[in-house]
Protein backbone atom coordinates (compact mmCIF):
# COMPACT_ATOMS: atom_id res chain seq x y z
CA UNK A 1 0.00 0.00 0.00
CA UNK A 2 1.50 3.39 -0.99
CA UNK A 3 2.19 6.04 1.61
CA UNK A 4 -0.09 9.09 1.27
CA UNK A 5 3.06 11.16 0.70
CA UNK A 6 3.68 9.14 -2.50
CA UNK A 7 0.47 10.48 -4.10
CA UNK A 8 1.12 13.85 -5.73
CA UNK A 9 -0.14 16.06 -8.51
CA UNK A 10 1.84 15.39 -11.67
CA UNK A 11 3.67 18.73 -11.59
CA UNK A 12 4.62 18.14 -7.94
CA UNK A 13 5.88 14.66 -8.76
CA UNK A 14 8.11 15.92 -11.57
CA UNK A 15 9.56 18.55 -9.25
CA UNK A 16 10.05 16.07 -6.40
CA UNK A 17 11.89 13.67 -8.72
CA UNK A 18 14.36 16.48 -9.38
CA UNK A 19 13.70 17.03 -13.07
CA UNK A 20 12.68 20.71 -12.97
CA UNK A 21 10.63 23.27 -11.07
CA UNK A 22 6.86 22.88 -10.71
CA UNK A 23 6.27 25.87 -13.01
CA UNK A 24 8.49 24.37 -15.70
CA UNK A 25 6.69 21.05 -15.25
CA UNK A 26 3.39 22.80 -16.00
CA UNK A 27 4.84 24.03 -19.29
CA UNK A 28 6.07 20.56 -20.24
CA UNK A 29 2.70 19.00 -19.41
CA UNK A 30 0.73 21.58 -21.43
CA UNK A 31 3.16 21.08 -24.32
CA UNK A 32 2.30 17.38 -24.40
CA UNK A 33 5.80 16.25 -23.47
CA UNK A 34 4.84 14.28 -20.35
CA UNK A 35 3.54 10.70 -20.28
CA UNK A 36 2.28 8.65 -17.35
CA UNK A 37 2.36 4.89 -17.83
CA UNK A 38 2.99 5.50 -21.56
CA UNK A 39 -0.08 7.73 -21.96
CA UNK A 40 0.13 11.45 -22.66
CA UNK A 41 -1.24 13.60 -19.84
CA UNK A 42 -2.18 17.25 -20.36
CA UNK A 43 -3.56 18.04 -16.89
CA UNK A 44 -0.98 18.93 -14.20
CA UNK A 45 -3.50 18.16 -11.41
CA UNK A 46 -3.53 14.48 -12.37
CA UNK A 47 -2.65 12.40 -9.29
CA UNK A 48 0.27 10.00 -9.68
CA UNK A 49 2.18 7.65 -7.41
CA UNK A 50 5.87 8.56 -7.57
CA UNK A 51 6.94 5.03 -6.68
CA UNK A 52 4.73 2.92 -8.92
CA UNK A 53 3.69 5.11 -11.87
CA UNK A 54 6.04 5.47 -14.85
CA UNK A 55 6.57 9.17 -15.59
CA UNK A 56 8.37 10.06 -18.81
CA UNK A 57 9.39 13.39 -20.33
CA UNK A 58 10.33 13.35 -24.01
CA UNK A 59 10.60 9.55 -23.73
CA UNK A 60 13.08 9.80 -20.83
CA UNK A 61 11.77 7.94 -17.76
CA UNK A 62 12.20 9.72 -14.43
CA UNK A 63 13.70 7.52 -11.72
CA UNK A 64 12.25 7.46 -8.22
CA UNK A 65 14.18 6.62 -5.08
CA UNK A 66 12.75 5.82 -1.65
CA UNK A 67 12.55 8.74 0.75
CA UNK A 68 13.98 8.44 4.25
CA UNK A 69 12.23 9.55 7.43
CA UNK A 70 14.04 9.68 10.76
CA UNK A 71 13.37 10.97 14.26
CA UNK A 72 16.36 12.36 16.17
CA UNK A 73 16.96 13.50 19.73
CA UNK A 74 18.94 16.67 19.05
CA UNK A 75 21.70 17.40 21.58
CA UNK A 76 22.58 20.86 22.89
CA UNK A 77 25.01 23.09 20.95
CA UNK A 78 23.96 21.62 17.60
CA UNK A 79 22.21 23.83 15.04
CA UNK A 80 19.32 22.64 12.90
CA UNK A 81 20.57 23.80 9.52
CA UNK A 82 22.32 21.79 6.83
CA UNK A 83 25.15 24.28 6.40
CA UNK A 84 26.55 26.98 8.66
CA UNK A 85 28.80 29.87 7.61
CA UNK A 86 30.37 29.88 11.09
CA UNK A 87 31.31 26.18 10.85
CA UNK A 88 29.31 25.29 13.95
CA UNK A 89 28.24 21.69 14.46
CA UNK A 90 25.11 20.95 12.45
CA UNK A 91 22.48 18.29 12.96
CA UNK A 92 23.53 16.81 9.61
CA UNK A 93 27.01 16.16 11.06
CA UNK A 94 25.39 13.59 13.37
CA UNK A 95 24.11 11.52 10.43
CA UNK A 96 25.91 8.72 8.56
CA UNK A 97 27.09 9.55 5.05
CA UNK A 98 24.12 7.87 3.35
CA UNK A 99 21.67 10.16 5.22
CA UNK A 100 23.48 13.50 4.97
CA UNK A 101 21.07 14.61 2.24
CA UNK A 102 18.21 14.75 4.75
CA UNK A 103 16.85 18.10 5.91
CA UNK A 104 15.40 19.00 9.32
CA UNK A 105 11.66 19.67 9.45
CA UNK A 106 11.26 22.87 11.43
CA UNK A 107 13.84 24.02 13.95
CA UNK A 108 15.13 23.78 17.47
CA UNK A 109 17.50 26.56 18.47
CA UNK A 110 21.10 25.79 19.37
CA UNK A 111 20.52 25.63 23.13
CA UNK A 112 17.33 23.55 22.88
CA UNK A 113 17.27 19.76 22.77
CA UNK A 114 14.82 17.04 21.86
CA UNK A 115 12.84 15.63 18.99
CA UNK A 116 13.21 16.71 15.39
CA UNK A 117 12.22 14.96 12.16
CA UNK A 118 14.61 14.80 9.21
CA UNK A 119 13.61 13.70 5.70
CA UNK A 120 14.24 14.20 2.00
CA UNK A 121 10.49 14.15 1.33
CA UNK A 122 9.67 17.80 0.74
CA UNK A 123 5.97 17.02 0.41
CA UNK A 124 5.78 15.56 3.92
CA UNK A 125 8.00 18.32 5.35
CA UNK A 126 5.62 20.96 3.99
CA UNK A 127 2.62 19.13 5.44
CA UNK A 128 4.17 18.95 8.91
CA UNK A 129 5.21 22.61 9.03
CA UNK A 130 2.12 24.15 7.42
CA UNK A 131 0.41 26.41 10.01
CA UNK A 132 -3.05 24.99 9.18
CA UNK A 133 -2.09 21.50 10.38
CA UNK A 134 -1.75 22.38 14.10
CA UNK A 135 0.36 19.32 14.91
CA UNK A 136 0.91 19.45 18.70
CA UNK A 137 4.47 19.62 20.04
CA UNK A 138 5.19 19.10 23.74
CA UNK A 139 8.12 20.58 25.66
CA UNK A 140 9.58 20.42 29.15
CA UNK A 141 10.83 23.87 30.12
CA UNK A 142 13.00 24.67 33.14
CA UNK A 143 12.94 28.28 34.28
CA UNK A 144 14.40 30.27 37.17
CA UNK A 145 12.11 30.87 40.12
CA UNK A 146 8.76 29.52 41.30
CA UNK A 147 6.10 30.18 38.67
CA UNK A 148 2.70 31.29 39.95
CA UNK A 149 -0.70 29.78 39.18
CA UNK A 150 -1.93 32.92 37.42
CA UNK A 151 1.15 32.87 35.19
CA UNK A 152 0.50 29.25 34.20
CA UNK A 153 -3.05 30.30 33.31
CA UNK A 154 -1.70 33.17 31.21
CA UNK A 155 0.57 30.77 29.30
CA UNK A 156 -2.42 28.52 28.63
CA UNK A 157 -4.71 31.35 27.49
CA UNK A 158 -2.14 33.18 25.35
CA UNK A 159 0.72 35.62 25.75
CA UNK A 160 0.92 38.85 23.77
CA UNK A 161 4.20 38.88 21.80
CA UNK A 162 5.56 41.35 19.26
CA UNK A 163 4.07 39.25 16.44
CA UNK A 164 0.69 38.71 18.06
CA UNK A 165 -1.13 36.72 20.72
CA UNK A 166 -0.06 33.11 21.09
CA UNK A 167 -2.70 30.43 20.60
CA UNK A 168 -4.13 28.54 23.58
CA UNK A 169 -1.75 25.91 24.97
CA UNK A 170 -1.88 22.97 27.35
CA UNK A 171 0.23 23.80 30.40
CA UNK A 172 1.11 21.81 33.52
CA UNK A 173 3.53 22.24 36.40
CA UNK A 174 5.83 19.21 36.68
CA UNK A 175 8.15 20.26 39.52
CA UNK A 176 9.10 23.38 41.44
CA UNK A 177 11.30 24.74 44.22
CA UNK A 178 12.09 28.27 45.32
CA UNK A 179 14.91 28.30 42.75
CA UNK A 180 13.31 26.79 39.66
CA UNK A 181 10.16 25.41 38.01
CA UNK A 182 9.72 22.73 35.35
CA UNK A 183 6.66 23.19 33.14
CA UNK A 184 5.18 20.95 30.47
CA UNK A 185 3.68 22.95 27.61
CA UNK A 186 2.04 21.75 24.40
CA UNK A 187 1.80 24.14 21.45
CA UNK A 188 -0.02 23.83 18.14
CA UNK A 189 1.80 26.71 16.45
CA UNK A 190 5.43 27.59 15.87
CA UNK A 191 6.31 31.26 16.17
CA UNK A 192 10.04 32.03 16.15
CA UNK A 193 11.58 31.22 19.58
CA UNK A 194 8.02 31.15 20.88
CA UNK A 195 8.47 29.35 24.19
CA UNK A 196 11.49 31.39 25.25
CA UNK A 197 9.68 34.60 24.36
CA UNK A 198 6.53 33.56 26.24
CA UNK A 199 8.46 33.02 29.46
CA UNK A 200 10.57 36.14 28.92
CA UNK A 201 7.31 38.12 28.68
CA UNK A 202 6.51 36.89 32.21
CA UNK A 203 9.98 37.83 33.50
CA UNK A 204 11.56 34.36 33.53
CA UNK A 205 14.75 33.01 31.96
CA UNK A 206 14.56 29.62 30.24
CA UNK A 207 17.38 27.46 31.59
CA UNK A 208 16.62 24.42 29.46
CA UNK A 209 14.10 23.45 26.80
CA UNK A 210 13.44 19.87 25.72
CA UNK A 211 10.93 18.85 23.04
CA UNK A 212 9.62 15.47 24.15
CA UNK A 213 6.77 14.86 21.70
CA UNK A 214 5.72 15.66 18.12
CA UNK A 215 2.15 14.49 17.53
CA UNK A 216 2.27 10.95 18.91
CA UNK A 217 6.03 10.56 18.39
CA UNK A 218 7.86 10.49 21.72
CA UNK A 219 11.47 10.76 22.83
CA UNK A 220 11.32 7.29 24.43
CA UNK A 221 14.57 5.27 24.18
CA UNK A 222 16.37 7.96 22.15
CA UNK A 223 19.51 9.29 23.81
CA UNK A 224 20.93 12.68 22.73
CA UNK A 225 22.36 12.34 19.22
CA UNK A 226 20.56 9.07 18.51
CA UNK A 227 17.91 8.61 15.82
CA UNK A 228 15.53 5.98 14.52
CA UNK A 229 13.54 5.46 11.33
CA UNK A 230 9.85 6.28 11.37
CA UNK A 231 7.47 3.42 10.68
CA UNK A 232 4.97 3.52 7.80
CA UNK A 233 2.11 3.92 10.27
CA UNK A 234 3.86 6.88 11.93
CA UNK A 235 4.40 8.55 8.54
CA UNK A 236 0.78 7.94 7.56
CA UNK A 237 -0.37 9.47 10.84
CA UNK A 238 1.71 12.61 10.25
CA UNK A 239 0.32 12.97 6.74
CA UNK A 240 -3.26 12.43 7.82
CA UNK A 241 -3.12 14.49 11.03
C-alpha atoms as a PDB file:
ATOM      1  CA  UNK A   1       0.000   0.000   0.000  1.00  0.00           C
ATOM      2  CA  UNK A   2       1.500   3.387  -0.985  1.00  0.00           C
ATOM      3  CA  UNK A   3       2.188   6.044   1.612  1.00  0.00           C
ATOM      4  CA  UNK A   4      -0.085   9.090   1.269  1.00  0.00           C
ATOM      5  CA  UNK A   5       3.060  11.160   0.700  1.00  0.00           C
ATOM      6  CA  UNK A   6       3.679   9.144  -2.505  1.00  0.00           C
ATOM      7  CA  UNK A   7       0.474  10.479  -4.102  1.00  0.00           C
ATOM      8  CA  UNK A   8       1.119  13.848  -5.734  1.00  0.00           C
ATOM      9  CA  UNK A   9      -0.139  16.057  -8.508  1.00  0.00           C
ATOM     10  CA  UNK A  10       1.837  15.395 -11.666  1.00  0.00           C
ATOM     11  CA  UNK A  11       3.665  18.729 -11.589  1.00  0.00           C
ATOM     12  CA  UNK A  12       4.625  18.139  -7.942  1.00  0.00           C
ATOM     13  CA  UNK A  13       5.880  14.659  -8.763  1.00  0.00           C
ATOM     14  CA  UNK A  14       8.109  15.916 -11.572  1.00  0.00           C
ATOM     15  CA  UNK A  15       9.562  18.549  -9.252  1.00  0.00           C
ATOM     16  CA  UNK A  16      10.050  16.068  -6.402  1.00  0.00           C
ATOM     17  CA  UNK A  17      11.889  13.675  -8.723  1.00  0.00           C
ATOM     18  CA  UNK A  18      14.364  16.484  -9.379  1.00  0.00           C
ATOM     19  CA  UNK A  19      13.704  17.035 -13.072  1.00  0.00           C
ATOM     20  CA  UNK A  20      12.682  20.711 -12.968  1.00  0.00           C
ATOM     21  CA  UNK A  21      10.625  23.275 -11.068  1.00  0.00           C
ATOM     22  CA  UNK A  22       6.864  22.879 -10.713  1.00  0.00           C
ATOM     23  CA  UNK A  23       6.271  25.867 -13.007  1.00  0.00           C
ATOM     24  CA  UNK A  24       8.489  24.372 -15.703  1.00  0.00           C
ATOM     25  CA  UNK A  25       6.692  21.047 -15.253  1.00  0.00           C
ATOM     26  CA  UNK A  26       3.394  22.804 -15.997  1.00  0.00           C
ATOM     27  CA  UNK A  27       4.836  24.035 -19.288  1.00  0.00           C
ATOM     28  CA  UNK A  28       6.066  20.557 -20.245  1.00  0.00           C
ATOM     29  CA  UNK A  29       2.700  18.999 -19.409  1.00  0.00           C
ATOM     30  CA  UNK A  30       0.735  21.582 -21.427  1.00  0.00           C
ATOM     31  CA  UNK A  31       3.156  21.084 -24.324  1.00  0.00           C
ATOM     32  CA  UNK A  32       2.296  17.385 -24.398  1.00  0.00           C
ATOM     33  CA  UNK A  33       5.797  16.255 -23.475  1.00  0.00           C
ATOM     34  CA  UNK A  34       4.838  14.278 -20.348  1.00  0.00           C
ATOM     35  CA  UNK A  35       3.543  10.700 -20.282  1.00  0.00           C
ATOM     36  CA  UNK A  36       2.277   8.651 -17.345  1.00  0.00           C
ATOM     37  CA  UNK A  37       2.360   4.894 -17.831  1.00  0.00           C
ATOM     38  CA  UNK A  38       2.988   5.499 -21.562  1.00  0.00           C
ATOM     39  CA  UNK A  39      -0.084   7.726 -21.956  1.00  0.00           C
ATOM     40  CA  UNK A  40       0.129  11.453 -22.662  1.00  0.00           C
ATOM     41  CA  UNK A  41      -1.236  13.601 -19.839  1.00  0.00           C
ATOM     42  CA  UNK A  42      -2.176  17.251 -20.364  1.00  0.00           C
ATOM     43  CA  UNK A  43      -3.561  18.037 -16.889  1.00  0.00           C
ATOM     44  CA  UNK A  44      -0.984  18.926 -14.196  1.00  0.00           C
ATOM     45  CA  UNK A  45      -3.497  18.163 -11.409  1.00  0.00           C
ATOM     46  CA  UNK A  46      -3.535  14.480 -12.368  1.00  0.00           C
ATOM     47  CA  UNK A  47      -2.647  12.403  -9.289  1.00  0.00           C
ATOM     48  CA  UNK A  48       0.271   9.997  -9.678  1.00  0.00           C
ATOM     49  CA  UNK A  49       2.183   7.652  -7.407  1.00  0.00           C
ATOM     50  CA  UNK A  50       5.867   8.560  -7.565  1.00  0.00           C
ATOM     51  CA  UNK A  51       6.942   5.035  -6.679  1.00  0.00           C
ATOM     52  CA  UNK A  52       4.731   2.924  -8.920  1.00  0.00           C
ATOM     53  CA  UNK A  53       3.689   5.114 -11.871  1.00  0.00           C
ATOM     54  CA  UNK A  54       6.042   5.473 -14.851  1.00  0.00           C
ATOM     55  CA  UNK A  55       6.566   9.171 -15.589  1.00  0.00           C
ATOM     56  CA  UNK A  56       8.373  10.060 -18.813  1.00  0.00           C
ATOM     57  CA  UNK A  57       9.391  13.388 -20.332  1.00  0.00           C
ATOM     58  CA  UNK A  58      10.330  13.355 -24.007  1.00  0.00           C
ATOM     59  CA  UNK A  59      10.599   9.545 -23.731  1.00  0.00           C
ATOM     60  CA  UNK A  60      13.079   9.799 -20.827  1.00  0.00           C
ATOM     61  CA  UNK A  61      11.774   7.942 -17.759  1.00  0.00           C
ATOM     62  CA  UNK A  62      12.201   9.722 -14.426  1.00  0.00           C
ATOM     63  CA  UNK A  63      13.696   7.519 -11.725  1.00  0.00           C
ATOM     64  CA  UNK A  64      12.248   7.462  -8.223  1.00  0.00           C
ATOM     65  CA  UNK A  65      14.179   6.624  -5.080  1.00  0.00           C
ATOM     66  CA  UNK A  66      12.752   5.816  -1.649  1.00  0.00           C
ATOM     67  CA  UNK A  67      12.552   8.736   0.747  1.00  0.00           C
ATOM     68  CA  UNK A  68      13.983   8.435   4.249  1.00  0.00           C
ATOM     69  CA  UNK A  69      12.227   9.555   7.435  1.00  0.00           C
ATOM     70  CA  UNK A  70      14.042   9.678  10.760  1.00  0.00           C
ATOM     71  CA  UNK A  71      13.370  10.974  14.255  1.00  0.00           C
ATOM     72  CA  UNK A  72      16.364  12.362  16.170  1.00  0.00           C
ATOM     73  CA  UNK A  73      16.960  13.496  19.729  1.00  0.00           C
ATOM     74  CA  UNK A  74      18.938  16.668  19.045  1.00  0.00           C
ATOM     75  CA  UNK A  75      21.699  17.400  21.578  1.00  0.00           C
ATOM     76  CA  UNK A  76      22.577  20.855  22.887  1.00  0.00           C
ATOM     77  CA  UNK A  77      25.014  23.087  20.946  1.00  0.00           C
ATOM     78  CA  UNK A  78      23.956  21.622  17.601  1.00  0.00           C
ATOM     79  CA  UNK A  79      22.211  23.832  15.043  1.00  0.00           C
ATOM     80  CA  UNK A  80      19.320  22.638  12.895  1.00  0.00           C
ATOM     81  CA  UNK A  81      20.566  23.801   9.525  1.00  0.00           C
ATOM     82  CA  UNK A  82      22.319  21.793   6.831  1.00  0.00           C
ATOM     83  CA  UNK A  83      25.155  24.277   6.399  1.00  0.00           C
ATOM     84  CA  UNK A  84      26.551  26.981   8.659  1.00  0.00           C
ATOM     85  CA  UNK A  85      28.799  29.865   7.610  1.00  0.00           C
ATOM     86  CA  UNK A  86      30.365  29.876  11.093  1.00  0.00           C
ATOM     87  CA  UNK A  87      31.313  26.180  10.852  1.00  0.00           C
ATOM     88  CA  UNK A  88      29.305  25.293  13.950  1.00  0.00           C
ATOM     89  CA  UNK A  89      28.243  21.690  14.458  1.00  0.00           C
ATOM     90  CA  UNK A  90      25.112  20.946  12.445  1.00  0.00           C
ATOM     91  CA  UNK A  91      22.484  18.292  12.959  1.00  0.00           C
ATOM     92  CA  UNK A  92      23.533  16.807   9.607  1.00  0.00           C
ATOM     93  CA  UNK A  93      27.013  16.158  11.057  1.00  0.00           C
ATOM     94  CA  UNK A  94      25.386  13.592  13.367  1.00  0.00           C
ATOM     95  CA  UNK A  95      24.110  11.520  10.433  1.00  0.00           C
ATOM     96  CA  UNK A  96      25.913   8.716   8.564  1.00  0.00           C
ATOM     97  CA  UNK A  97      27.089   9.549   5.054  1.00  0.00           C
ATOM     98  CA  UNK A  98      24.124   7.874   3.355  1.00  0.00           C
ATOM     99  CA  UNK A  99      21.671  10.160   5.218  1.00  0.00           C
ATOM    100  CA  UNK A 100      23.485  13.499   4.975  1.00  0.00           C
ATOM    101  CA  UNK A 101      21.068  14.605   2.239  1.00  0.00           C
ATOM    102  CA  UNK A 102      18.211  14.750   4.752  1.00  0.00           C
ATOM    103  CA  UNK A 103      16.850  18.104   5.907  1.00  0.00           C
ATOM    104  CA  UNK A 104      15.398  18.999   9.318  1.00  0.00           C
ATOM    105  CA  UNK A 105      11.657  19.673   9.446  1.00  0.00           C
ATOM    106  CA  UNK A 106      11.259  22.874  11.427  1.00  0.00           C
ATOM    107  CA  UNK A 107      13.843  24.023  13.949  1.00  0.00           C
ATOM    108  CA  UNK A 108      15.132  23.783  17.471  1.00  0.00           C
ATOM    109  CA  UNK A 109      17.503  26.564  18.467  1.00  0.00           C
ATOM    110  CA  UNK A 110      21.102  25.791  19.370  1.00  0.00           C
ATOM    111  CA  UNK A 111      20.516  25.627  23.126  1.00  0.00           C
ATOM    112  CA  UNK A 112      17.332  23.551  22.878  1.00  0.00           C
ATOM    113  CA  UNK A 113      17.268  19.762  22.769  1.00  0.00           C
ATOM    114  CA  UNK A 114      14.822  17.039  21.858  1.00  0.00           C
ATOM    115  CA  UNK A 115      12.844  15.628  18.989  1.00  0.00           C
ATOM    116  CA  UNK A 116      13.207  16.706  15.390  1.00  0.00           C
ATOM    117  CA  UNK A 117      12.215  14.963  12.159  1.00  0.00           C
ATOM    118  CA  UNK A 118      14.606  14.800   9.206  1.00  0.00           C
ATOM    119  CA  UNK A 119      13.607  13.700   5.702  1.00  0.00           C
ATOM    120  CA  UNK A 120      14.237  14.198   1.997  1.00  0.00           C
ATOM    121  CA  UNK A 121      10.488  14.149   1.334  1.00  0.00           C
ATOM    122  CA  UNK A 122       9.669  17.799   0.738  1.00  0.00           C
ATOM    123  CA  UNK A 123       5.972  17.025   0.414  1.00  0.00           C
ATOM    124  CA  UNK A 124       5.778  15.563   3.925  1.00  0.00           C
ATOM    125  CA  UNK A 125       7.996  18.324   5.350  1.00  0.00           C
ATOM    126  CA  UNK A 126       5.622  20.964   3.993  1.00  0.00           C
ATOM    127  CA  UNK A 127       2.622  19.134   5.438  1.00  0.00           C
ATOM    128  CA  UNK A 128       4.174  18.945   8.911  1.00  0.00           C
ATOM    129  CA  UNK A 129       5.212  22.610   9.026  1.00  0.00           C
ATOM    130  CA  UNK A 130       2.122  24.146   7.422  1.00  0.00           C
ATOM    131  CA  UNK A 131       0.407  26.414  10.006  1.00  0.00           C
ATOM    132  CA  UNK A 132      -3.046  24.992   9.177  1.00  0.00           C
ATOM    133  CA  UNK A 133      -2.091  21.501  10.382  1.00  0.00           C
ATOM    134  CA  UNK A 134      -1.754  22.376  14.097  1.00  0.00           C
ATOM    135  CA  UNK A 135       0.361  19.318  14.907  1.00  0.00           C
ATOM    136  CA  UNK A 136       0.912  19.450  18.700  1.00  0.00           C
ATOM    137  CA  UNK A 137       4.466  19.617  20.042  1.00  0.00           C
ATOM    138  CA  UNK A 138       5.190  19.104  23.737  1.00  0.00           C
ATOM    139  CA  UNK A 139       8.124  20.577  25.664  1.00  0.00           C
ATOM    140  CA  UNK A 140       9.579  20.424  29.150  1.00  0.00           C
ATOM    141  CA  UNK A 141      10.826  23.872  30.117  1.00  0.00           C
ATOM    142  CA  UNK A 142      12.997  24.675  33.139  1.00  0.00           C
ATOM    143  CA  UNK A 143      12.937  28.282  34.280  1.00  0.00           C
ATOM    144  CA  UNK A 144      14.396  30.269  37.165  1.00  0.00           C
ATOM    145  CA  UNK A 145      12.105  30.869  40.122  1.00  0.00           C
ATOM    146  CA  UNK A 146       8.755  29.517  41.304  1.00  0.00           C
ATOM    147  CA  UNK A 147       6.102  30.178  38.670  1.00  0.00           C
ATOM    148  CA  UNK A 148       2.704  31.289  39.951  1.00  0.00           C
ATOM    149  CA  UNK A 149      -0.703  29.779  39.184  1.00  0.00           C
ATOM    150  CA  UNK A 150      -1.932  32.923  37.417  1.00  0.00           C
ATOM    151  CA  UNK A 151       1.155  32.873  35.193  1.00  0.00           C
ATOM    152  CA  UNK A 152       0.505  29.247  34.202  1.00  0.00           C
ATOM    153  CA  UNK A 153      -3.050  30.301  33.315  1.00  0.00           C
ATOM    154  CA  UNK A 154      -1.698  33.175  31.211  1.00  0.00           C
ATOM    155  CA  UNK A 155       0.569  30.766  29.301  1.00  0.00           C
ATOM    156  CA  UNK A 156      -2.424  28.524  28.634  1.00  0.00           C
ATOM    157  CA  UNK A 157      -4.711  31.347  27.493  1.00  0.00           C
ATOM    158  CA  UNK A 158      -2.144  33.176  25.348  1.00  0.00           C
ATOM    159  CA  UNK A 159       0.725  35.617  25.753  1.00  0.00           C
ATOM    160  CA  UNK A 160       0.923  38.852  23.772  1.00  0.00           C
ATOM    161  CA  UNK A 161       4.199  38.883  21.804  1.00  0.00           C
ATOM    162  CA  UNK A 162       5.556  41.351  19.264  1.00  0.00           C
ATOM    163  CA  UNK A 163       4.074  39.251  16.438  1.00  0.00           C
ATOM    164  CA  UNK A 164       0.688  38.710  18.059  1.00  0.00           C
ATOM    165  CA  UNK A 165      -1.134  36.721  20.716  1.00  0.00           C
ATOM    166  CA  UNK A 166      -0.062  33.111  21.094  1.00  0.00           C
ATOM    167  CA  UNK A 167      -2.696  30.426  20.600  1.00  0.00           C
ATOM    168  CA  UNK A 168      -4.134  28.544  23.583  1.00  0.00           C
ATOM    169  CA  UNK A 169      -1.754  25.911  24.967  1.00  0.00           C
ATOM    170  CA  UNK A 170      -1.885  22.974  27.349  1.00  0.00           C
ATOM    171  CA  UNK A 171       0.226  23.795  30.401  1.00  0.00           C
ATOM    172  CA  UNK A 172       1.109  21.810  33.519  1.00  0.00           C
ATOM    173  CA  UNK A 173       3.533  22.244  36.404  1.00  0.00           C
ATOM    174  CA  UNK A 174       5.831  19.207  36.682  1.00  0.00           C
ATOM    175  CA  UNK A 175       8.146  20.259  39.521  1.00  0.00           C
ATOM    176  CA  UNK A 176       9.101  23.384  41.438  1.00  0.00           C
ATOM    177  CA  UNK A 177      11.299  24.743  44.221  1.00  0.00           C
ATOM    178  CA  UNK A 178      12.091  28.275  45.319  1.00  0.00           C
ATOM    179  CA  UNK A 179      14.912  28.302  42.749  1.00  0.00           C
ATOM    180  CA  UNK A 180      13.309  26.792  39.655  1.00  0.00           C
ATOM    181  CA  UNK A 181      10.160  25.413  38.011  1.00  0.00           C
ATOM    182  CA  UNK A 182       9.718  22.727  35.349  1.00  0.00           C
ATOM    183  CA  UNK A 183       6.663  23.194  33.142  1.00  0.00           C
ATOM    184  CA  UNK A 184       5.184  20.945  30.468  1.00  0.00           C
ATOM    185  CA  UNK A 185       3.685  22.953  27.610  1.00  0.00           C
ATOM    186  CA  UNK A 186       2.039  21.752  24.396  1.00  0.00           C
ATOM    187  CA  UNK A 187       1.800  24.138  21.452  1.00  0.00           C
ATOM    188  CA  UNK A 188      -0.020  23.827  18.139  1.00  0.00           C
ATOM    189  CA  UNK A 189       1.804  26.713  16.455  1.00  0.00           C
ATOM    190  CA  UNK A 190       5.431  27.591  15.868  1.00  0.00           C
ATOM    191  CA  UNK A 191       6.312  31.255  16.166  1.00  0.00           C
ATOM    192  CA  UNK A 192      10.040  32.030  16.151  1.00  0.00           C
ATOM    193  CA  UNK A 193      11.580  31.220  19.583  1.00  0.00           C
ATOM    194  CA  UNK A 194       8.018  31.151  20.876  1.00  0.00           C
ATOM    195  CA  UNK A 195       8.469  29.351  24.192  1.00  0.00           C
ATOM    196  CA  UNK A 196      11.493  31.391  25.251  1.00  0.00           C
ATOM    197  CA  UNK A 197       9.683  34.604  24.358  1.00  0.00           C
ATOM    198  CA  UNK A 198       6.532  33.563  26.241  1.00  0.00           C
ATOM    199  CA  UNK A 199       8.460  33.021  29.456  1.00  0.00           C
ATOM    200  CA  UNK A 200      10.570  36.144  28.924  1.00  0.00           C
ATOM    201  CA  UNK A 201       7.314  38.119  28.679  1.00  0.00           C
ATOM    202  CA  UNK A 202       6.510  36.886  32.211  1.00  0.00           C
ATOM    203  CA  UNK A 203       9.977  37.827  33.495  1.00  0.00           C
ATOM    204  CA  UNK A 204      11.559  34.356  33.527  1.00  0.00           C
ATOM    205  CA  UNK A 205      14.753  33.009  31.959  1.00  0.00           C
ATOM    206  CA  UNK A 206      14.556  29.622  30.244  1.00  0.00           C
ATOM    207  CA  UNK A 207      17.375  27.464  31.595  1.00  0.00           C
ATOM    208  CA  UNK A 208      16.620  24.417  29.463  1.00  0.00           C
ATOM    209  CA  UNK A 209      14.098  23.454  26.800  1.00  0.00           C
ATOM    210  CA  UNK A 210      13.439  19.870  25.721  1.00  0.00           C
ATOM    211  CA  UNK A 211      10.930  18.852  23.036  1.00  0.00           C
ATOM    212  CA  UNK A 212       9.621  15.474  24.153  1.00  0.00           C
ATOM    213  CA  UNK A 213       6.769  14.858  21.704  1.00  0.00           C
ATOM    214  CA  UNK A 214       5.720  15.664  18.115  1.00  0.00           C
ATOM    215  CA  UNK A 215       2.150  14.489  17.532  1.00  0.00           C
ATOM    216  CA  UNK A 216       2.271  10.950  18.909  1.00  0.00           C
ATOM    217  CA  UNK A 217       6.030  10.563  18.392  1.00  0.00           C
ATOM    218  CA  UNK A 218       7.863  10.489  21.719  1.00  0.00           C
ATOM    219  CA  UNK A 219      11.472  10.759  22.832  1.00  0.00           C
ATOM    220  CA  UNK A 220      11.320   7.285  24.433  1.00  0.00           C
ATOM    221  CA  UNK A 221      14.575   5.268  24.176  1.00  0.00           C
ATOM    222  CA  UNK A 222      16.367   7.955  22.153  1.00  0.00           C
ATOM    223  CA  UNK A 223      19.508   9.289  23.807  1.00  0.00           C
ATOM    224  CA  UNK A 224      20.930  12.684  22.726  1.00  0.00           C
ATOM    225  CA  UNK A 225      22.364  12.344  19.216  1.00  0.00           C
ATOM    226  CA  UNK A 226      20.560   9.075  18.505  1.00  0.00           C
ATOM    227  CA  UNK A 227      17.914   8.606  15.821  1.00  0.00           C
ATOM    228  CA  UNK A 228      15.527   5.980  14.517  1.00  0.00           C
ATOM    229  CA  UNK A 229      13.539   5.463  11.328  1.00  0.00           C
ATOM    230  CA  UNK A 230       9.853   6.282  11.370  1.00  0.00           C
ATOM    231  CA  UNK A 231       7.471   3.423  10.676  1.00  0.00           C
ATOM    232  CA  UNK A 232       4.974   3.517   7.804  1.00  0.00           C
ATOM    233  CA  UNK A 233       2.112   3.917  10.274  1.00  0.00           C
ATOM    234  CA  UNK A 234       3.860   6.881  11.928  1.00  0.00           C
ATOM    235  CA  UNK A 235       4.395   8.553   8.538  1.00  0.00           C
ATOM    236  CA  UNK A 236       0.778   7.943   7.564  1.00  0.00           C
ATOM    237  CA  UNK A 237      -0.373   9.470  10.839  1.00  0.00           C
ATOM    238  CA  UNK A 238       1.708  12.614  10.255  1.00  0.00           C
ATOM    239  CA  UNK A 239       0.322  12.971   6.738  1.00  0.00           C
ATOM    240  CA  UNK A 240      -3.261  12.433   7.819  1.00  0.00           C
ATOM    241  CA  UNK A 241      -3.124  14.487  11.033  1.00  0.00           C
END
